Amino acid sequence: MSTPHDDLGGAQLSHWQRTYADHPGMYGEQPSDPALHATEVFRSAGARDVLELGAGHGRDALHFARSGFTVQASDFSPTGLKQLAEAAAAEGLGEHVTTLVQDVREPLGLPDDSVDAVFAHMLLCMALSTEEITTLVSEVARVLRPGGTFVYTVRHTGDAHYGAGIPHGDDIFEHGGFAVHFFPRTLVDTLAGSWHLNEVHEFEEGDLPRRLWRVTQTLPE
């Protein structure tokens, strides 16, 4: 039996499929600021391969590949990933970027201890319950090698859209068709668990502006 939250997830997939189809390359070609930060963090840690969760049409995945990393780019939208794969091929990066259709509410389709670094820009604050987010972070820990680094960003409860739009419970609000799980700081700390929490950096992005945290945490050796 499906739950209301399952129905919300299905609706969000349909929404993103339409959005990517109607607006190819909607986020542009330039990498996000969090991806620029993550590149330096991953390079300093000696990482060679990166898993990006919620890669969309690939502006950050392509940047990681240009920077010399081998990239596995995952998203639940085949439309976005098709655009990513075509862009990688056009740049001659096809050998350095692979794509994976992945609903992060399901176990990640990678072996244990198989990647050096994981990046997720605003993926954890999509239409995911707190339980699903917690399980996903456990999956990230599973696929990371010991000492591996996880950089993620989330919109937080200080954002102007928090409490606006359609409420779905669990700090999830839908505005303009996009459902967002807004993070309280306690959730960031809980998710860190036994990780080393290296940094929680607050920043703004976009015209609203959106208010986010950029979190960097490392698995113990």
C-alpha atoms as a PDB file:
ATOM      1  CA  MET A   1       0.000   0.000   0.000  1.00  0.00           C
ATOM      2  CA  SER A   2       1.383   3.430  -0.902  1.00  0.00           C
ATOM      3  CA  THR A   3       1.617   6.141   1.728  1.00  0.00           C
ATOM      4  CA  PRO A   4       0.982   9.866   1.220  1.00  0.00           C
ATOM      5  CA  HIS A   5       4.747  10.351   1.319  1.00  0.00           C
ATOM      6  CA  ASP A   6       5.238   7.735  -1.440  1.00  0.00           C
ATOM      7  CA  ASP A   7       2.685   9.633  -3.507  1.00  0.00           C
ATOM      8  CA  LEU A   8       4.593  12.880  -2.896  1.00  0.00           C
ATOM      9  CA  GLY A   9       7.826  11.242  -4.061  1.00  0.00           C
ATOM     10  CA  GLY A  10       6.181   9.999  -7.232  1.00  0.00           C
ATOM     11  CA  ALA A  11       4.717  13.415  -7.906  1.00  0.00           C
ATOM     12  CA  GLN A  12       8.123  15.011  -7.415  1.00  0.00           C
ATOM     13  CA  LEU A  13       9.742  12.613  -9.905  1.00  0.00           C
ATOM     14  CA  SER A  14       7.119  13.531 -12.495  1.00  0.00           C
ATOM     15  CA  HIS A  15       7.651  17.209 -11.710  1.00  0.00           C
ATOM     16  CA  TRP A  16      11.445  16.986 -12.179  1.00  0.00           C
ATOM     17  CA  GLN A  17      11.087  14.950 -15.366  1.00  0.00           C
ATOM     18  CA  ARG A  18       8.869  17.666 -16.851  1.00  0.00           C
ATOM     19  CA  THR A  19      11.140  20.421 -15.570  1.00  0.00           C
ATOM     20  CA  TYR A  20      14.281  18.964 -17.150  1.00  0.00           C
ATOM     21  CA  ALA A  21      12.424  18.244 -20.401  1.00  0.00           C
ATOM     22  CA  ASP A  22      10.991  21.757 -20.595  1.00  0.00           C
ATOM     23  CA  HIS A  23      14.180  23.516 -19.445  1.00  0.00           C
ATOM     24  CA  PRO A  24      17.260  21.583 -20.638  1.00  0.00           C
ATOM     25  CA  GLY A  25      20.374  22.650 -18.776  1.00  0.00           C
ATOM     26  CA  MET A  26      18.213  24.729 -16.444  1.00  0.00           C
ATOM     27  CA  TYR A  27      21.005  25.386 -13.933  1.00  0.00           C
ATOM     28  CA  GLY A  28      23.514  26.470 -16.565  1.00  0.00           C
ATOM     29  CA  GLU A  29      26.978  25.158 -17.305  1.00  0.00           C
ATOM     30  CA  GLN A  30      28.941  26.732 -14.459  1.00  0.00           C
ATOM     31  CA  PRO A  31      29.500  24.588 -11.343  1.00  0.00           C
ATOM     32  CA  SER A  32      27.851  25.524  -8.072  1.00  0.00           C
ATOM     33  CA  ASP A  33      29.919  27.178  -5.355  1.00  0.00           C
ATOM     34  CA  PRO A  34      29.545  24.086  -3.121  1.00  0.00           C
ATOM     35  CA  ALA A  35      31.031  21.959  -5.930  1.00  0.00           C
ATOM     36  CA  LEU A  36      34.021  24.292  -6.171  1.00  0.00           C
ATOM     37  CA  HIS A  37      34.510  23.913  -2.418  1.00  0.00           C
ATOM     38  CA  ALA A  38      34.092  20.144  -2.589  1.00  0.00           C
ATOM     39  CA  THR A  39      36.668  19.889  -5.380  1.00  0.00           C
ATOM     40  CA  GLU A  40      39.342  21.396  -3.149  1.00  0.00           C
ATOM     41  CA  VAL A  41      38.289  19.312  -0.136  1.00  0.00           C
ATOM     42  CA  PHE A  42      38.290  16.085  -2.146  1.00  0.00           C
ATOM     43  CA  ARG A  43      41.621  16.896  -3.801  1.00  0.00           C
ATOM     44  CA  SER A  44      43.230  17.687  -0.438  1.00  0.00           C
ATOM     45  CA  ALA A  45      41.969  14.361   0.901  1.00  0.00           C
ATOM     46  CA  GLY A  46      43.543  12.490  -2.031  1.00  0.00           C
ATOM     47  CA  ALA A  47      40.210  11.360  -3.479  1.00  0.00           C
ATOM     48  CA  ARG A  48      40.151   9.895  -6.966  1.00  0.00           C
ATOM     49  CA  ASP A  49      36.527   8.944  -7.489  1.00  0.00           C
ATOM     50  CA  VAL A  50      33.381  10.864  -6.626  1.00  0.00           C
ATOM     51  CA  LEU A  51      29.745   9.828  -6.343  1.00  0.00           C
ATOM     52  CA  GLU A  52      27.302  12.674  -6.877  1.00  0.00           C
ATOM     53  CA  LEU A  53      23.776  12.169  -5.577  1.00  0.00           C
ATOM     54  CA  GLY A  54      21.096  14.214  -7.320  1.00  0.00           C
ATOM     55  CA  ALA A  55      23.344  15.176 -10.214  1.00  0.00           C
ATOM     56  CA  GLY A  56      20.524  16.486 -12.412  1.00  0.00           C
ATOM     57  CA  HIS A  57      21.769  17.568 -15.831  1.00  0.00           C
ATOM     58  CA  GLY A  58      25.329  17.528 -14.586  1.00  0.00           C
ATOM     59  CA  ARG A  59      26.907  20.940 -14.136  1.00  0.00           C
ATOM     60  CA  ASP A  60      28.751  19.780 -10.988  1.00  0.00           C
ATOM     61  CA  ALA A  61      29.476  16.242 -12.180  1.00  0.00           C
ATOM     62  CA  LEU A  62      31.093  17.662 -15.312  1.00  0.00           C
ATOM     63  CA  HIS A  63      33.183  20.027 -13.198  1.00  0.00           C
ATOM     64  CA  PHE A  64      34.435  17.128 -11.074  1.00  0.00           C
ATOM     65  CA  ALA A  65      35.372  15.230 -14.240  1.00  0.00           C
ATOM     66  CA  ARG A  66      37.180  18.258 -15.694  1.00  0.00           C
ATOM     67  CA  SER A  67      39.073  18.472 -12.393  1.00  0.00           C
ATOM     68  CA  GLY A  68      40.439  14.966 -12.858  1.00  0.00           C
ATOM     69  CA  PHE A  69      38.049  12.850 -10.821  1.00  0.00           C
ATOM     70  CA  THR A  70      36.245   9.753 -12.013  1.00  0.00           C
ATOM     71  CA  VAL A  71      32.574  10.524 -11.453  1.00  0.00           C
ATOM     72  CA  GLN A  72      29.509   8.380 -10.892  1.00  0.00           C
ATOM     73  CA  ALA A  73      26.524  10.682 -11.309  1.00  0.00           C
ATOM     74  CA  SER A  74      23.158   9.529  -9.979  1.00  0.00           C
ATOM     75  CA  ASP A  75      19.691  11.019 -10.135  1.00  0.00           C
ATOM     76  CA  PHE A  76      16.114   9.738 -10.150  1.00  0.00           C
ATOM     77  CA  SER A  77      15.409  11.617 -13.404  1.00  0.00           C
ATOM     78  CA  PRO A  78      16.457   9.716 -16.553  1.00  0.00           C
ATOM     79  CA  THR A  79      15.805  12.924 -18.496  1.00  0.00           C
ATOM     80  CA  GLY A  80      18.379  14.881 -16.499  1.00  0.00           C
ATOM     81  CA  LEU A  81      20.926  12.063 -16.731  1.00  0.00           C
ATOM     82  CA  LYS A  82      20.485  11.819 -20.497  1.00  0.00           C
ATOM     83  CA  GLN A  83      21.369  15.498 -20.773  1.00  0.00           C
ATOM     84  CA  LEU A  84      24.389  14.900 -18.524  1.00  0.00           C
ATOM     85  CA  ALA A  85      25.653  11.955 -20.576  1.00  0.00           C
ATOM     86  CA  GLU A  86      25.287  13.893 -23.822  1.00  0.00           C
ATOM     87  CA  ALA A  87      27.177  16.868 -22.380  1.00  0.00           C
ATOM     88  CA  ALA A  88      29.964  14.601 -21.096  1.00  0.00           C
ATOM     89  CA  ALA A  89      30.319  12.960 -24.500  1.00  0.00           C
ATOM     90  CA  ALA A  90      30.395  16.352 -26.230  1.00  0.00           C
ATOM     91  CA  GLU A  91      33.275  17.446 -23.974  1.00  0.00           C
ATOM     92  CA  GLY A  92      35.199  14.210 -24.429  1.00  0.00           C
ATOM     93  CA  LEU A  93      34.563  13.245 -20.805  1.00  0.00           C
ATOM     94  CA  GLY A  94      32.482  10.154 -21.487  1.00  0.00           C
ATOM     95  CA  GLU A  95      35.173   7.806 -20.114  1.00  0.00           C
ATOM     96  CA  HIS A  96      35.288   9.746 -16.848  1.00  0.00           C
ATOM     97  CA  VAL A  97      31.551  10.047 -16.146  1.00  0.00           C
ATOM     98  CA  THR A  98      29.030   7.253 -15.688  1.00  0.00           C
ATOM     99  CA  THR A  99      25.354   7.747 -14.882  1.00  0.00           C
ATOM    100  CA  LEU A 100      23.071   5.792 -12.606  1.00  0.00           C
ATOM    101  CA  VAL A 101      19.309   6.144 -12.261  1.00  0.00           C
ATOM    102  CA  GLN A 102      18.856   6.104  -8.488  1.00  0.00           C
ATOM    103  CA  ASP A 103      15.923   6.782  -6.212  1.00  0.00           C
ATOM    104  CA  VAL A 104      17.725   7.556  -2.951  1.00  0.00           C
ATOM    105  CA  ARG A 105      14.808   6.120  -0.990  1.00  0.00           C
ATOM    106  CA  GLU A 106      16.243   2.769  -2.130  1.00  0.00           C
ATOM    107  CA  PRO A 107      19.700   1.326  -1.278  1.00  0.00           C
ATOM    108  CA  LEU A 108      22.479   2.882  -3.325  1.00  0.00           C
ATOM    109  CA  GLY A 109      23.456   0.705  -6.271  1.00  0.00           C
ATOM    110  CA  LEU A 110      27.160   0.563  -5.389  1.00  0.00           C
ATOM    111  CA  PRO A 111      29.349  -1.896  -3.460  1.00  0.00           C
ATOM    112  CA  ASP A 112      30.642  -1.282   0.059  1.00  0.00           C
ATOM    113  CA  ASP A 113      33.791   0.872   0.373  1.00  0.00           C
ATOM    114  CA  SER A 114      33.768   1.713  -3.336  1.00  0.00           C
ATOM    115  CA  VAL A 115      34.178   5.515  -3.562  1.00  0.00           C
ATOM    116  CA  ASP A 116      36.480   8.105  -2.029  1.00  0.00           C
ATOM    117  CA  ALA A 117      34.020  11.001  -1.825  1.00  0.00           C
ATOM    118  CA  VAL A 118      30.305  11.778  -2.063  1.00  0.00           C
ATOM    119  CA  PHE A 119      28.706  15.091  -3.029  1.00  0.00           C
ATOM    120  CA  ALA A 120      25.047  16.088  -2.812  1.00  0.00           C
ATOM    121  CA  HIS A 121      23.909  19.647  -3.499  1.00  0.00           C
ATOM    122  CA  MET A 122      20.368  20.076  -2.098  1.00  0.00           C
ATOM    123  CA  LEU A 123      19.529  16.405  -2.579  1.00  0.00           C
ATOM    124  CA  LEU A 124      19.047  15.607   1.112  1.00  0.00           C
ATOM    125  CA  CYS A 125      16.509  18.421   1.444  1.00  0.00           C
ATOM    126  CA  MET A 126      14.215  17.119  -1.279  1.00  0.00           C
ATOM    127  CA  ALA A 127      10.900  15.396  -0.496  1.00  0.00           C
ATOM    128  CA  LEU A 128      12.492  12.857   1.851  1.00  0.00           C
ATOM    129  CA  SER A 129      11.314  12.007   5.351  1.00  0.00           C
ATOM    130  CA  THR A 130      13.721  12.269   8.265  1.00  0.00           C
ATOM    131  CA  GLU A 131      13.815   8.468   8.379  1.00  0.00           C
ATOM    132  CA  GLU A 132      14.686   8.271   4.681  1.00  0.00           C
ATOM    133  CA  ILE A 133      17.403  10.901   5.056  1.00  0.00           C
ATOM    134  CA  THR A 134      18.908   9.013   8.000  1.00  0.00           C
ATOM    135  CA  THR A 135      18.911   5.775   6.013  1.00  0.00           C
ATOM    136  CA  LEU A 136      20.485   7.539   3.026  1.00  0.00           C
ATOM    137  CA  VAL A 137      23.354   8.903   5.130  1.00  0.00           C
ATOM    138  CA  SER A 138      23.939   5.360   6.403  1.00  0.00           C
ATOM    139  CA  GLU A 139      24.100   4.220   2.777  1.00  0.00           C
ATOM    140  CA  VAL A 140      26.623   6.972   2.031  1.00  0.00           C
ATOM    141  CA  ALA A 141      28.751   5.668   4.907  1.00  0.00           C
ATOM    142  CA  ARG A 142      28.475   2.159   3.489  1.00  0.00           C
ATOM    143  CA  VAL A 143      29.729   3.029  -0.008  1.00  0.00           C
ATOM    144  CA  LEU A 144      32.485   5.381   1.190  1.00  0.00           C
ATOM    145  CA  ARG A 145      35.935   4.016   1.886  1.00  0.00           C
ATOM    146  CA  PRO A 146      37.236   4.555   5.452  1.00  0.00           C
ATOM    147  CA  GLY A 147      38.392   8.159   5.751  1.00  0.00           C
ATOM    148  CA  GLY A 148      36.143   9.185   2.868  1.00  0.00           C
ATOM    149  CA  THR A 149      34.508  12.603   2.722  1.00  0.00           C
ATOM    150  CA  PHE A 150      30.854  13.597   2.311  1.00  0.00           C
ATOM    151  CA  VAL A 151      29.952  17.167   1.317  1.00  0.00           C
ATOM    152  CA  TYR A 152      26.265  18.038   1.179  1.00  0.00           C
ATOM    153  CA  THR A 153      24.088  21.125   1.217  1.00  0.00           C
ATOM    154  CA  VAL A 154      20.562  21.622   2.533  1.00  0.00           C
ATOM    155  CA  ARG A 155      18.100  24.461   2.916  1.00  0.00           C
ATOM    156  CA  HIS A 156      17.453  25.132   6.588  1.00  0.00           C
ATOM    157  CA  THR A 157      14.664  26.391   8.787  1.00  0.00           C
ATOM    158  CA  GLY A 158      15.942  29.968   8.526  1.00  0.00           C
ATOM    159  CA  ASP A 159      15.010  29.994   4.823  1.00  0.00           C
ATOM    160  CA  ALA A 160      12.266  32.396   3.702  1.00  0.00           C
ATOM    161  CA  HIS A 161      10.215  29.528   2.256  1.00  0.00           C
ATOM    162  CA  TYR A 162      10.195  27.543   5.508  1.00  0.00           C
ATOM    163  CA  GLY A 163       6.592  27.334   6.637  1.00  0.00           C
ATOM    164  CA  ALA A 164       5.271  28.675   3.310  1.00  0.00           C
ATOM    165  CA  GLY A 165       3.324  26.814   0.651  1.00  0.00           C
ATOM    166  CA  ILE A 166       1.757  23.391   1.059  1.00  0.00           C
ATOM    167  CA  PRO A 167       2.760  21.594   4.290  1.00  0.00           C
ATOM    168  CA  HIS A 168       3.472  17.860   4.053  1.00  0.00           C
ATOM    169  CA  GLY A 169       4.659  17.311   7.634  1.00  0.00           C
ATOM    170  CA  ASP A 170       8.174  16.554   8.891  1.00  0.00           C
ATOM    171  CA  ASP A 171       9.344  20.112   7.988  1.00  0.00           C
ATOM    172  CA  ILE A 172       8.510  19.483   4.297  1.00  0.00           C
ATOM    173  CA  PHE A 173       6.826  22.339   2.440  1.00  0.00           C
ATOM    174  CA  GLU A 174       5.914  22.500  -1.243  1.00  0.00           C
ATOM    175  CA  HIS A 175       6.272  25.825  -3.015  1.00  0.00           C
ATOM    176  CA  GLY A 176       5.904  26.329  -6.774  1.00  0.00           C
ATOM    177  CA  GLY A 177       5.714  22.571  -7.315  1.00  0.00           C
ATOM    178  CA  PHE A 178       9.007  21.840  -5.533  1.00  0.00           C
ATOM    179  CA  ALA A 179       8.855  20.069  -2.174  1.00  0.00           C
ATOM    180  CA  VAL A 180      11.683  20.850   0.266  1.00  0.00           C
ATOM    181  CA  HIS A 181      12.620  19.311   3.605  1.00  0.00           C
ATOM    182  CA  PHE A 182      13.990  22.224   5.636  1.00  0.00           C
ATOM    183  CA  PHE A 183      16.690  21.149   8.101  1.00  0.00           C
ATOM    184  CA  PRO A 184      16.912  22.223  11.735  1.00  0.00           C
ATOM    185  CA  ARG A 185      20.489  22.245  13.034  1.00  0.00           C
ATOM    186  CA  THR A 186      19.696  19.316  15.317  1.00  0.00           C
ATOM    187  CA  LEU A 187      19.169  17.127  12.235  1.00  0.00           C
ATOM    188  CA  VAL A 188      22.623  17.994  10.874  1.00  0.00           C
ATOM    189  CA  ASP A 189      24.190  17.028  14.196  1.00  0.00           C
ATOM    190  CA  THR A 190      22.185  13.807  14.432  1.00  0.00           C
ATOM    191  CA  LEU A 191      23.160  12.765  10.911  1.00  0.00           C
ATOM    192  CA  ALA A 192      26.840  13.329  11.718  1.00  0.00           C
ATOM    193  CA  GLY A 193      26.600  10.569  14.341  1.00  0.00           C
ATOM    194  CA  SER A 194      29.980   8.831  14.522  1.00  0.00           C
ATOM    195  CA  TRP A 195      31.366  10.804  11.567  1.00  0.00           C
ATOM    196  CA  HIS A 196      33.921  13.585  12.053  1.00  0.00           C
ATOM    197  CA  LEU A 197      31.878  16.767  11.513  1.00  0.00           C
ATOM    198  CA  ASN A 198      34.466  19.047   9.911  1.00  0.00           C
ATOM    199  CA  GLU A 199      32.364  22.083   9.046  1.00  0.00           C
ATOM    200  CA  VAL A 200      28.840  23.480   8.916  1.00  0.00           C
ATOM    201  CA  HIS A 201      29.029  26.590   6.738  1.00  0.00           C
ATOM    202  CA  GLU A 202      26.018  28.845   6.214  1.00  0.00           C
ATOM    203  CA  PHE A 203      25.597  30.497   2.816  1.00  0.00           C
ATOM    204  CA  GLU A 204      22.988  31.930   0.472  1.00  0.00           C
ATOM    205  CA  GLU A 205      22.172  31.039  -3.132  1.00  0.00           C
ATOM    206  CA  GLY A 206      19.805  32.399  -5.773  1.00  0.00           C
ATOM    207  CA  ASP A 207      17.543  35.413  -5.918  1.00  0.00           C
ATOM    208  CA  LEU A 208      15.264  34.739  -2.928  1.00  0.00           C
ATOM    209  CA  PRO A 209      17.898  34.095  -1.582  1.00  0.00           C
ATOM    210  CA  ARG A 210      17.777  30.465  -0.508  1.00  0.00           C
ATOM    211  CA  ARG A 211      19.495  29.934   2.840  1.00  0.00           C
ATOM    212  CA  LEU A 212      21.564  26.792   3.152  1.00  0.00           C
ATOM    213  CA  TRP A 213      24.163  24.927   5.141  1.00  0.00           C
ATOM    214  CA  ARG A 214      27.154  23.313   3.472  1.00  0.00           C
ATOM    215  CA  VAL A 215      28.176  20.333   5.587  1.00  0.00           C
ATOM    216  CA  THR A 216      31.529  18.571   5.344  1.00  0.00           C
ATOM    217  CA  GLN A 217      31.984  15.351   7.289  1.00  0.00           C
ATOM    218  CA  THR A 218      34.480  12.478   7.159  1.00  0.00           C
ATOM    219  CA  LEU A 219      34.241   8.807   7.997  1.00  0.00           C
ATOM    220  CA  PRO A 220      36.669   7.597  10.663  1.00  0.00           C
ATOM    221  CA  GLU A 221      39.645   5.607   9.317  1.00  0.00           C
END
